[in-house]
């Protein structure tokens, strides 16, 4: 990954930074799976675990050719007034590496459904053994997106890995994130 594009969201009175970042990443998600074949990753330079905040900057990493192909799509339509987008830029030579991965936990509801569906528990047993209070909450920044399939709101929690010297190559999912099991990196600077 030798190139990147940096997009800064520009919040105002009508739209805060989180709202704009959610919309930006939703539009990017819609086009990444169709255009980039898992060869483009993202990072959040202002990622902050304490505030569950991804910040106002999004970097899109890949080859110059792949990034130009991505930007040739009209996926930023409707957001151009709320974003400042760089040209395709070269990654600094001294850049380190870091992964950004989607982190998921199964909800108590899903655990109950699976236990009943597999015949391990009856509905009543599942309600007693897997209460809503058993649900662990992640304390990570997240994107609030609408599922394209069932139109429900969902949180995409994002884990930032440690800074590393060596790149770990692989493919990214349709959000531009590494799978947690693979820890594929993007340049970090």
C-alpha atoms as a PDB file:
ATOM      1  CA  UNK A   1       0.000   0.000   0.000  1.00  0.00           C
ATOM      2  CA  UNK A   2       1.832   2.998  -1.274  1.00  0.00           C
ATOM      3  CA  UNK A   3      -0.962   5.567  -1.520  1.00  0.00           C
ATOM      4  CA  UNK A   4      -3.823   7.043   0.459  1.00  0.00           C
ATOM      5  CA  UNK A   5      -6.639   9.585   0.376  1.00  0.00           C
ATOM      6  CA  UNK A   6      -7.522  11.588   3.460  1.00  0.00           C
ATOM      7  CA  UNK A   7     -11.085  12.760   3.964  1.00  0.00           C
ATOM      8  CA  UNK A   8     -11.926  15.198   6.740  1.00  0.00           C
ATOM      9  CA  UNK A   9     -15.558  15.624   7.711  1.00  0.00           C
ATOM     10  CA  UNK A  10     -16.603  19.221   8.392  1.00  0.00           C
ATOM     11  CA  UNK A  11     -19.253  19.274  11.118  1.00  0.00           C
ATOM     12  CA  UNK A  12     -21.644  22.203  11.439  1.00  0.00           C
ATOM     13  CA  UNK A  13     -24.804  23.065  13.384  1.00  0.00           C
ATOM     14  CA  UNK A  14     -26.918  20.657  11.338  1.00  0.00           C
ATOM     15  CA  UNK A  15     -24.580  17.650  11.237  1.00  0.00           C
ATOM     16  CA  UNK A  16     -22.068  16.603  13.900  1.00  0.00           C
ATOM     17  CA  UNK A  17     -18.825  14.707  13.198  1.00  0.00           C
ATOM     18  CA  UNK A  18     -20.209  11.274  14.181  1.00  0.00           C
ATOM     19  CA  UNK A  19     -23.248  11.667  11.915  1.00  0.00           C
ATOM     20  CA  UNK A  20     -21.043  12.695   8.987  1.00  0.00           C
ATOM     21  CA  UNK A  21     -18.493   9.906   9.595  1.00  0.00           C
ATOM     22  CA  UNK A  22     -21.330   7.346   9.748  1.00  0.00           C
ATOM     23  CA  UNK A  23     -22.703   8.586   6.401  1.00  0.00           C
ATOM     24  CA  UNK A  24     -19.258   8.730   4.823  1.00  0.00           C
ATOM     25  CA  UNK A  25     -18.419   5.159   5.860  1.00  0.00           C
ATOM     26  CA  UNK A  26     -21.861   3.912   4.809  1.00  0.00           C
ATOM     27  CA  UNK A  27     -21.390   5.298   1.312  1.00  0.00           C
ATOM     28  CA  UNK A  28     -17.834   3.939   1.181  1.00  0.00           C
ATOM     29  CA  UNK A  29     -19.052   0.489   2.305  1.00  0.00           C
ATOM     30  CA  UNK A  30     -21.597   0.440  -0.532  1.00  0.00           C
ATOM     31  CA  UNK A  31     -18.875   0.875  -3.159  1.00  0.00           C
ATOM     32  CA  UNK A  32     -15.852  -0.921  -1.621  1.00  0.00           C
ATOM     33  CA  UNK A  33     -17.194  -4.423  -2.099  1.00  0.00           C
ATOM     34  CA  UNK A  34     -18.066  -3.761  -5.739  1.00  0.00           C
ATOM     35  CA  UNK A  35     -14.935  -1.927  -6.861  1.00  0.00           C
ATOM     36  CA  UNK A  36     -11.845  -2.720  -4.791  1.00  0.00           C
ATOM     37  CA  UNK A  37     -11.797  -6.526  -4.430  1.00  0.00           C
ATOM     38  CA  UNK A  38     -10.570  -6.352  -0.813  1.00  0.00           C
ATOM     39  CA  UNK A  39      -7.477  -4.363  -1.774  1.00  0.00           C
ATOM     40  CA  UNK A  40      -8.405  -1.117   0.001  1.00  0.00           C
ATOM     41  CA  UNK A  41      -8.246  -0.560   3.764  1.00  0.00           C
ATOM     42  CA  UNK A  42      -9.197   2.336   5.999  1.00  0.00           C
ATOM     43  CA  UNK A  43      -7.828   3.980   9.128  1.00  0.00           C
ATOM     44  CA  UNK A  44      -8.919   6.670  11.545  1.00  0.00           C
ATOM     45  CA  UNK A  45      -5.993   8.970  12.470  1.00  0.00           C
ATOM     46  CA  UNK A  46      -7.967  10.553  15.347  1.00  0.00           C
ATOM     47  CA  UNK A  47      -9.248   7.255  16.790  1.00  0.00           C
ATOM     48  CA  UNK A  48      -9.965   7.625  20.519  1.00  0.00           C
ATOM     49  CA  UNK A  49     -11.015   4.680  22.643  1.00  0.00           C
ATOM     50  CA  UNK A  50     -11.943   6.741  25.720  1.00  0.00           C
ATOM     51  CA  UNK A  51     -14.515   8.831  23.899  1.00  0.00           C
ATOM     52  CA  UNK A  52     -15.820   6.045  21.647  1.00  0.00           C
ATOM     53  CA  UNK A  53     -15.014   8.498  18.906  1.00  0.00           C
ATOM     54  CA  UNK A  54     -13.497   7.846  15.500  1.00  0.00           C
ATOM     55  CA  UNK A  55     -12.626  11.506  14.985  1.00  0.00           C
ATOM     56  CA  UNK A  56     -13.053  13.668  11.912  1.00  0.00           C
ATOM     57  CA  UNK A  57     -10.510  12.060   9.567  1.00  0.00           C
ATOM     58  CA  UNK A  58     -10.742   8.933   7.457  1.00  0.00           C
ATOM     59  CA  UNK A  59      -7.806   7.604   5.452  1.00  0.00           C
ATOM     60  CA  UNK A  60      -8.391   5.226   2.582  1.00  0.00           C
ATOM     61  CA  UNK A  61      -5.291   3.146   1.754  1.00  0.00           C
ATOM     62  CA  UNK A  62      -4.365   1.182  -1.355  1.00  0.00           C
ATOM     63  CA  UNK A  63      -2.480   1.418  -4.615  1.00  0.00           C
ATOM     64  CA  UNK A  64      -2.764   4.684  -6.545  1.00  0.00           C
ATOM     65  CA  UNK A  65      -4.564   2.841  -9.360  1.00  0.00           C
ATOM     66  CA  UNK A  66      -7.123   1.258  -7.023  1.00  0.00           C
ATOM     67  CA  UNK A  67      -7.772   4.560  -5.215  1.00  0.00           C
ATOM     68  CA  UNK A  68      -8.280   6.387  -8.516  1.00  0.00           C
ATOM     69  CA  UNK A  69     -10.705   3.644  -9.566  1.00  0.00           C
ATOM     70  CA  UNK A  70     -12.580   4.090  -6.269  1.00  0.00           C
ATOM     71  CA  UNK A  71     -12.750   7.878  -6.554  1.00  0.00           C
ATOM     72  CA  UNK A  72     -14.004   7.624 -10.167  1.00  0.00           C
ATOM     73  CA  UNK A  73     -17.261   6.324  -8.655  1.00  0.00           C
ATOM     74  CA  UNK A  74     -19.769   8.940  -7.494  1.00  0.00           C
ATOM     75  CA  UNK A  75     -19.960   7.558  -3.941  1.00  0.00           C
ATOM     76  CA  UNK A  76     -19.301  10.946  -2.274  1.00  0.00           C
ATOM     77  CA  UNK A  77     -22.402  12.461  -3.866  1.00  0.00           C
ATOM     78  CA  UNK A  78     -24.362  14.420  -1.280  1.00  0.00           C
ATOM     79  CA  UNK A  79     -21.412  14.670   1.102  1.00  0.00           C
ATOM     80  CA  UNK A  80     -19.031  16.914  -0.839  1.00  0.00           C
ATOM     81  CA  UNK A  81     -20.246  20.046   1.030  1.00  0.00           C
ATOM     82  CA  UNK A  82     -19.475  18.328   4.341  1.00  0.00           C
ATOM     83  CA  UNK A  83     -16.058  16.861   3.486  1.00  0.00           C
ATOM     84  CA  UNK A  84     -12.611  17.950   2.467  1.00  0.00           C
ATOM     85  CA  UNK A  85     -11.005  15.287   0.293  1.00  0.00           C
ATOM     86  CA  UNK A  86      -7.317  15.138  -0.626  1.00  0.00           C
ATOM     87  CA  UNK A  87      -5.907  13.943  -3.913  1.00  0.00           C
ATOM     88  CA  UNK A  88      -4.265  10.526  -4.047  1.00  0.00           C
ATOM     89  CA  UNK A  89      -1.094  10.998  -1.973  1.00  0.00           C
ATOM     90  CA  UNK A  90       2.021   8.898  -1.376  1.00  0.00           C
ATOM     91  CA  UNK A  91       2.436   7.209   1.984  1.00  0.00           C
ATOM     92  CA  UNK A  92       5.457   8.615   3.866  1.00  0.00           C
ATOM     93  CA  UNK A  93       8.523   6.353   3.638  1.00  0.00           C
ATOM     94  CA  UNK A  94       8.867   6.135   7.435  1.00  0.00           C
ATOM     95  CA  UNK A  95       5.244   5.069   8.037  1.00  0.00           C
ATOM     96  CA  UNK A  96       4.630   2.335  10.583  1.00  0.00           C
ATOM     97  CA  UNK A  97       1.785  -0.184  10.335  1.00  0.00           C
ATOM     98  CA  UNK A  98      -1.421  -0.760  12.282  1.00  0.00           C
ATOM     99  CA  UNK A  99      -4.598  -2.762  11.802  1.00  0.00           C
ATOM    100  CA  UNK A 100      -8.201  -1.580  12.130  1.00  0.00           C
ATOM    101  CA  UNK A 101     -10.601  -4.489  12.529  1.00  0.00           C
ATOM    102  CA  UNK A 102     -14.296  -5.008  13.043  1.00  0.00           C
ATOM    103  CA  UNK A 103     -15.025  -6.399  16.484  1.00  0.00           C
ATOM    104  CA  UNK A 104     -18.305  -8.250  17.075  1.00  0.00           C
ATOM    105  CA  UNK A 105     -20.030  -9.855  20.031  1.00  0.00           C
ATOM    106  CA  UNK A 106     -23.092 -12.023  19.779  1.00  0.00           C
ATOM    107  CA  UNK A 107     -26.133 -10.436  21.415  1.00  0.00           C
ATOM    108  CA  UNK A 108     -28.008 -12.229  24.194  1.00  0.00           C
ATOM    109  CA  UNK A 109     -31.009 -12.424  21.831  1.00  0.00           C
ATOM    110  CA  UNK A 110     -28.922 -14.167  19.128  1.00  0.00           C
ATOM    111  CA  UNK A 111     -27.420 -16.583  21.677  1.00  0.00           C
ATOM    112  CA  UNK A 112     -30.913 -17.534  22.890  1.00  0.00           C
ATOM    113  CA  UNK A 113     -32.200 -18.043  19.324  1.00  0.00           C
ATOM    114  CA  UNK A 114     -29.246 -20.249  18.451  1.00  0.00           C
ATOM    115  CA  UNK A 115     -29.575 -22.343  21.627  1.00  0.00           C
ATOM    116  CA  UNK A 116     -33.286 -22.925  20.963  1.00  0.00           C
ATOM    117  CA  UNK A 117     -32.759 -23.497  17.229  1.00  0.00           C
ATOM    118  CA  UNK A 118     -30.082 -26.136  17.871  1.00  0.00           C
ATOM    119  CA  UNK A 119     -32.286 -27.850  20.449  1.00  0.00           C
ATOM    120  CA  UNK A 120     -29.838 -27.252  23.302  1.00  0.00           C
ATOM    121  CA  UNK A 121     -32.416 -25.329  25.376  1.00  0.00           C
ATOM    122  CA  UNK A 122     -36.124 -24.692  25.387  1.00  0.00           C
ATOM    123  CA  UNK A 123     -37.294 -21.078  24.959  1.00  0.00           C
ATOM    124  CA  UNK A 124     -37.996 -20.814  28.700  1.00  0.00           C
ATOM    125  CA  UNK A 125     -34.583 -22.267  29.630  1.00  0.00           C
ATOM    126  CA  UNK A 126     -32.839 -19.912  27.227  1.00  0.00           C
ATOM    127  CA  UNK A 127     -34.615 -16.895  28.720  1.00  0.00           C
ATOM    128  CA  UNK A 128     -33.503 -17.944  32.206  1.00  0.00           C
ATOM    129  CA  UNK A 129     -29.935 -18.978  31.393  1.00  0.00           C
ATOM    130  CA  UNK A 130     -29.105 -16.177  28.935  1.00  0.00           C
ATOM    131  CA  UNK A 131     -30.540 -12.950  30.368  1.00  0.00           C
ATOM    132  CA  UNK A 132     -30.156  -9.594  28.628  1.00  0.00           C
ATOM    133  CA  UNK A 133     -27.875  -8.511  31.474  1.00  0.00           C
ATOM    134  CA  UNK A 134     -25.306 -11.095  30.325  1.00  0.00           C
ATOM    135  CA  UNK A 135     -24.721  -9.006  27.214  1.00  0.00           C
ATOM    136  CA  UNK A 136     -21.191  -7.646  27.204  1.00  0.00           C
ATOM    137  CA  UNK A 137     -20.812  -4.141  25.898  1.00  0.00           C
ATOM    138  CA  UNK A 138     -17.741  -3.224  23.928  1.00  0.00           C
ATOM    139  CA  UNK A 139     -16.024  -0.024  24.945  1.00  0.00           C
ATOM    140  CA  UNK A 140     -14.736   0.721  21.462  1.00  0.00           C
ATOM    141  CA  UNK A 141     -15.488   3.463  18.957  1.00  0.00           C
ATOM    142  CA  UNK A 142     -18.128   2.447  16.446  1.00  0.00           C
ATOM    143  CA  UNK A 143     -19.955   3.409  13.297  1.00  0.00           C
ATOM    144  CA  UNK A 144     -23.760   3.498  13.444  1.00  0.00           C
ATOM    145  CA  UNK A 145     -24.914   2.117  10.085  1.00  0.00           C
ATOM    146  CA  UNK A 146     -28.145   0.885   8.545  1.00  0.00           C
ATOM    147  CA  UNK A 147     -28.053  -2.686   7.298  1.00  0.00           C
ATOM    148  CA  UNK A 148     -28.619  -2.872   3.559  1.00  0.00           C
ATOM    149  CA  UNK A 149     -30.316  -6.256   3.993  1.00  0.00           C
ATOM    150  CA  UNK A 150     -32.853  -5.842   6.790  1.00  0.00           C
ATOM    151  CA  UNK A 151     -32.680  -2.009   7.122  1.00  0.00           C
ATOM    152  CA  UNK A 152     -32.014  -2.250  10.870  1.00  0.00           C
ATOM    153  CA  UNK A 153     -29.571   0.016  12.708  1.00  0.00           C
ATOM    154  CA  UNK A 154     -26.325  -1.700  13.673  1.00  0.00           C
ATOM    155  CA  UNK A 155     -23.106  -0.730  15.369  1.00  0.00           C
ATOM    156  CA  UNK A 156     -19.839  -1.633  13.681  1.00  0.00           C
ATOM    157  CA  UNK A 157     -17.289  -1.603  16.517  1.00  0.00           C
ATOM    158  CA  UNK A 158     -13.733  -0.853  15.417  1.00  0.00           C
ATOM    159  CA  UNK A 159     -10.623  -2.082  17.193  1.00  0.00           C
ATOM    160  CA  UNK A 160      -7.321  -0.327  16.583  1.00  0.00           C
ATOM    161  CA  UNK A 161      -4.296  -2.595  16.836  1.00  0.00           C
ATOM    162  CA  UNK A 162      -0.831  -1.737  18.104  1.00  0.00           C
ATOM    163  CA  UNK A 163       1.736   0.089  15.996  1.00  0.00           C
ATOM    164  CA  UNK A 164       3.989  -2.391  14.163  1.00  0.00           C
ATOM    165  CA  UNK A 165       7.118  -2.121  12.061  1.00  0.00           C
ATOM    166  CA  UNK A 166       6.204  -4.709   9.408  1.00  0.00           C
ATOM    167  CA  UNK A 167       3.143  -4.766   7.169  1.00  0.00           C
ATOM    168  CA  UNK A 168       0.812  -7.759   7.326  1.00  0.00           C
ATOM    169  CA  UNK A 169      -0.736  -8.287   3.916  1.00  0.00           C
ATOM    170  CA  UNK A 170      -4.109  -9.772   3.113  1.00  0.00           C
ATOM    171  CA  UNK A 171      -7.556  -8.626   2.084  1.00  0.00           C
ATOM    172  CA  UNK A 172     -10.024  -6.268   3.726  1.00  0.00           C
ATOM    173  CA  UNK A 173     -13.758  -6.696   4.189  1.00  0.00           C
ATOM    174  CA  UNK A 174     -16.388  -4.514   2.519  1.00  0.00           C
ATOM    175  CA  UNK A 175     -15.963  -1.910   5.264  1.00  0.00           C
ATOM    176  CA  UNK A 176     -12.258  -1.583   4.462  1.00  0.00           C
ATOM    177  CA  UNK A 177     -11.416  -3.242   7.781  1.00  0.00           C
ATOM    178  CA  UNK A 178      -9.245  -6.232   8.571  1.00  0.00           C
ATOM    179  CA  UNK A 179     -10.752  -9.386   9.927  1.00  0.00           C
ATOM    180  CA  UNK A 180      -9.728  -9.623  13.584  1.00  0.00           C
ATOM    181  CA  UNK A 181      -8.247 -13.091  13.023  1.00  0.00           C
ATOM    182  CA  UNK A 182      -5.954 -11.809  10.237  1.00  0.00           C
ATOM    183  CA  UNK A 183      -4.886  -8.347  11.506  1.00  0.00           C
ATOM    184  CA  UNK A 184      -4.078  -7.024   8.018  1.00  0.00           C
ATOM    185  CA  UNK A 185      -2.357  -3.651   8.402  1.00  0.00           C
ATOM    186  CA  UNK A 186      -2.514  -0.236   6.777  1.00  0.00           C
ATOM    187  CA  UNK A 187       0.171   2.481   6.915  1.00  0.00           C
ATOM    188  CA  UNK A 188       0.140   4.528  10.107  1.00  0.00           C
ATOM    189  CA  UNK A 189       1.636   8.009  10.265  1.00  0.00           C
END
